[in-house]
Amino acid sequence: MSQAIHPTLLFRIDPAQNMARFYLLAIEPHLFGGSSLMRCWGRIGTKGQRKVDLFDTAVEAREAAGKLLNGKLKSRYRRHEEVEPG
């Protein structure tokens, strides 16, 4: 079984629009030899929503995660490390 991929946490915060969103992507092995791509999203401070997609290989899961990540970054989401506190 392969190792879990470090989760990627994104934020989109715009006080002028009262917007405070999070988006989390994580790839993990599943019991049957493939990989799962877990996505969680919602307003910061809430439980949000969750979706899990199953893939036959970790490569397929990483490709799907990359497409989702690029789309979010184009939509002005920022990685956790890039967000200014306060």
C-alpha atoms as a PDB file:
ATOM      1  CA  MET A   1       0.000   0.000   0.000  1.00  0.00           C
ATOM      2  CA  SER A   2       1.275   3.483  -0.822  1.00  0.00           C
ATOM      3  CA  GLN A   3       1.728   6.309   1.654  1.00  0.00           C
ATOM      4  CA  ALA A   4      -0.939   8.958   2.116  1.00  0.00           C
ATOM      5  CA  ILE A   5      -0.239  12.212   0.263  1.00  0.00           C
ATOM      6  CA  HIS A   6       0.177  15.289   2.436  1.00  0.00           C
ATOM      7  CA  PRO A   7      -3.151  17.144   2.506  1.00  0.00           C
ATOM      8  CA  THR A   8      -3.436  20.473   0.687  1.00  0.00           C
ATOM      9  CA  LEU A   9      -5.459  23.146   2.479  1.00  0.00           C
ATOM     10  CA  LEU A  10      -6.711  26.190   0.575  1.00  0.00           C
ATOM     11  CA  PHE A  11      -8.547  29.318   1.681  1.00  0.00           C
ATOM     12  CA  ARG A  12     -10.462  32.039  -0.093  1.00  0.00           C
ATOM     13  CA  ILE A  13     -11.074  35.011   2.176  1.00  0.00           C
ATOM     14  CA  ASP A  14     -12.634  38.277   1.016  1.00  0.00           C
ATOM     15  CA  PRO A  15     -14.030  40.424   3.855  1.00  0.00           C
ATOM     16  CA  ALA A  16     -15.654  42.841   1.377  1.00  0.00           C
ATOM     17  CA  GLN A  17     -17.854  39.979   0.130  1.00  0.00           C
ATOM     18  CA  ASN A  18     -18.212  38.313   3.561  1.00  0.00           C
ATOM     19  CA  MET A  19     -16.430  35.293   2.046  1.00  0.00           C
ATOM     20  CA  ALA A  20     -14.409  32.871   4.163  1.00  0.00           C
ATOM     21  CA  ARG A  21     -14.094  29.469   2.493  1.00  0.00           C
ATOM     22  CA  PHE A  22     -11.831  26.456   2.855  1.00  0.00           C
ATOM     23  CA  TYR A  23     -11.029  23.590   0.495  1.00  0.00           C
ATOM     24  CA  LEU A  24      -9.044  20.491   1.493  1.00  0.00           C
ATOM     25  CA  LEU A  25      -7.608  17.829  -0.836  1.00  0.00           C
ATOM     26  CA  ALA A  26      -6.043  14.588   0.425  1.00  0.00           C
ATOM     27  CA  ILE A  27      -5.058  11.336  -1.278  1.00  0.00           C
ATOM     28  CA  GLU A  28      -5.049   8.161   0.796  1.00  0.00           C
ATOM     29  CA  PRO A  29      -4.752   4.446   0.055  1.00  0.00           C
ATOM     30  CA  HIS A  30      -7.931   2.419   0.388  1.00  0.00           C
ATOM     31  CA  LEU A  31      -8.387  -1.166   1.478  1.00  0.00           C
ATOM     32  CA  PHE A  32      -8.625  -2.672  -1.988  1.00  0.00           C
ATOM     33  CA  GLY A  33      -5.288  -1.467  -3.360  1.00  0.00           C
ATOM     34  CA  GLY A  34      -6.329   1.749  -5.060  1.00  0.00           C
ATOM     35  CA  SER A  35      -6.331   5.327  -3.873  1.00  0.00           C
ATOM     36  CA  SER A  36      -9.042   7.682  -2.732  1.00  0.00           C
ATOM     37  CA  LEU A  37      -9.189  11.430  -3.273  1.00  0.00           C
ATOM     38  CA  MET A  38     -10.978  13.146  -0.409  1.00  0.00           C
ATOM     39  CA  ARG A  39     -12.308  16.684  -0.834  1.00  0.00           C
ATOM     40  CA  CYS A  40     -13.758  18.792   1.963  1.00  0.00           C
ATOM     41  CA  TRP A  41     -15.089  22.303   1.451  1.00  0.00           C
ATOM     42  CA  GLY A  42     -17.276  24.929   3.038  1.00  0.00           C
ATOM     43  CA  ARG A  43     -17.351  28.117   5.049  1.00  0.00           C
ATOM     44  CA  ILE A  44     -14.557  28.472   7.601  1.00  0.00           C
ATOM     45  CA  GLY A  45     -15.891  27.522  11.030  1.00  0.00           C
ATOM     46  CA  THR A  46     -18.413  24.993   9.698  1.00  0.00           C
ATOM     47  CA  LYS A  47     -18.195  21.249   9.175  1.00  0.00           C
ATOM     48  CA  GLY A  48     -18.608  21.772   5.443  1.00  0.00           C
ATOM     49  CA  GLN A  49     -19.184  19.007   2.941  1.00  0.00           C
ATOM     50  CA  ARG A  50     -17.135  15.984   1.932  1.00  0.00           C
ATOM     51  CA  LYS A  51     -16.751  13.892  -1.192  1.00  0.00           C
ATOM     52  CA  VAL A  52     -14.542  10.850  -1.756  1.00  0.00           C
ATOM     53  CA  ASP A  53     -13.622   9.603  -5.239  1.00  0.00           C
ATOM     54  CA  LEU A  54     -12.011   6.175  -5.717  1.00  0.00           C
ATOM     55  CA  PHE A  55      -9.243   5.489  -8.249  1.00  0.00           C
ATOM     56  CA  ASP A  56      -7.436   2.338  -9.339  1.00  0.00           C
ATOM     57  CA  THR A  57      -3.983   3.921  -8.914  1.00  0.00           C
ATOM     58  CA  ALA A  58      -2.327   6.716  -6.949  1.00  0.00           C
ATOM     59  CA  VAL A  59      -1.253   8.287 -10.255  1.00  0.00           C
ATOM     60  CA  GLU A  60      -4.885   8.690 -11.356  1.00  0.00           C
ATOM     61  CA  ALA A  61      -5.791  10.174  -7.969  1.00  0.00           C
ATOM     62  CA  ARG A  62      -2.872  12.649  -8.157  1.00  0.00           C
ATOM     63  CA  GLU A  63      -3.876  13.716 -11.680  1.00  0.00           C
ATOM     64  CA  ALA A  64      -7.450  14.367 -10.556  1.00  0.00           C
ATOM     65  CA  ALA A  65      -6.224  16.253  -7.475  1.00  0.00           C
ATOM     66  CA  GLY A  66      -3.924  18.359  -9.653  1.00  0.00           C
ATOM     67  CA  LYS A  67      -6.788  19.383 -11.931  1.00  0.00           C
ATOM     68  CA  LEU A  68      -8.963  20.333  -8.960  1.00  0.00           C
ATOM     69  CA  LEU A  69      -6.102  22.225  -7.309  1.00  0.00           C
ATOM     70  CA  ASN A  70      -5.323  24.210 -10.461  1.00  0.00           C
ATOM     71  CA  GLY A  71      -8.987  25.135 -10.834  1.00  0.00           C
ATOM     72  CA  LYS A  72      -9.188  26.366  -7.241  1.00  0.00           C
ATOM     73  CA  LEU A  73      -5.975  28.385  -7.567  1.00  0.00           C
ATOM     74  CA  LYS A  74      -7.398  30.045 -10.695  1.00  0.00           C
ATOM     75  CA  SER A  75     -10.507  30.876  -8.638  1.00  0.00           C
ATOM     76  CA  ARG A  76      -8.381  32.926  -6.206  1.00  0.00           C
ATOM     77  CA  TYR A  77      -8.023  30.268  -3.529  1.00  0.00           C
ATOM     78  CA  ARG A  78      -4.634  30.412  -1.789  1.00  0.00           C
ATOM     79  CA  ARG A  79      -2.590  27.735  -0.075  1.00  0.00           C
ATOM     80  CA  HIS A  80      -2.680  27.784   3.717  1.00  0.00           C
ATOM     81  CA  GLU A  81       0.946  29.023   3.874  1.00  0.00           C
ATOM     82  CA  GLU A  82       0.148  32.027   1.623  1.00  0.00           C
ATOM     83  CA  VAL A  83      -2.768  33.386   3.663  1.00  0.00           C
ATOM     84  CA  GLU A  84      -2.055  36.460   5.783  1.00  0.00           C
ATOM     85  CA  PRO A  85      -3.200  36.056   9.406  1.00  0.00           C
ATOM     86  CA  GLY A  86      -5.756  38.410  10.885  1.00  0.00           C
END
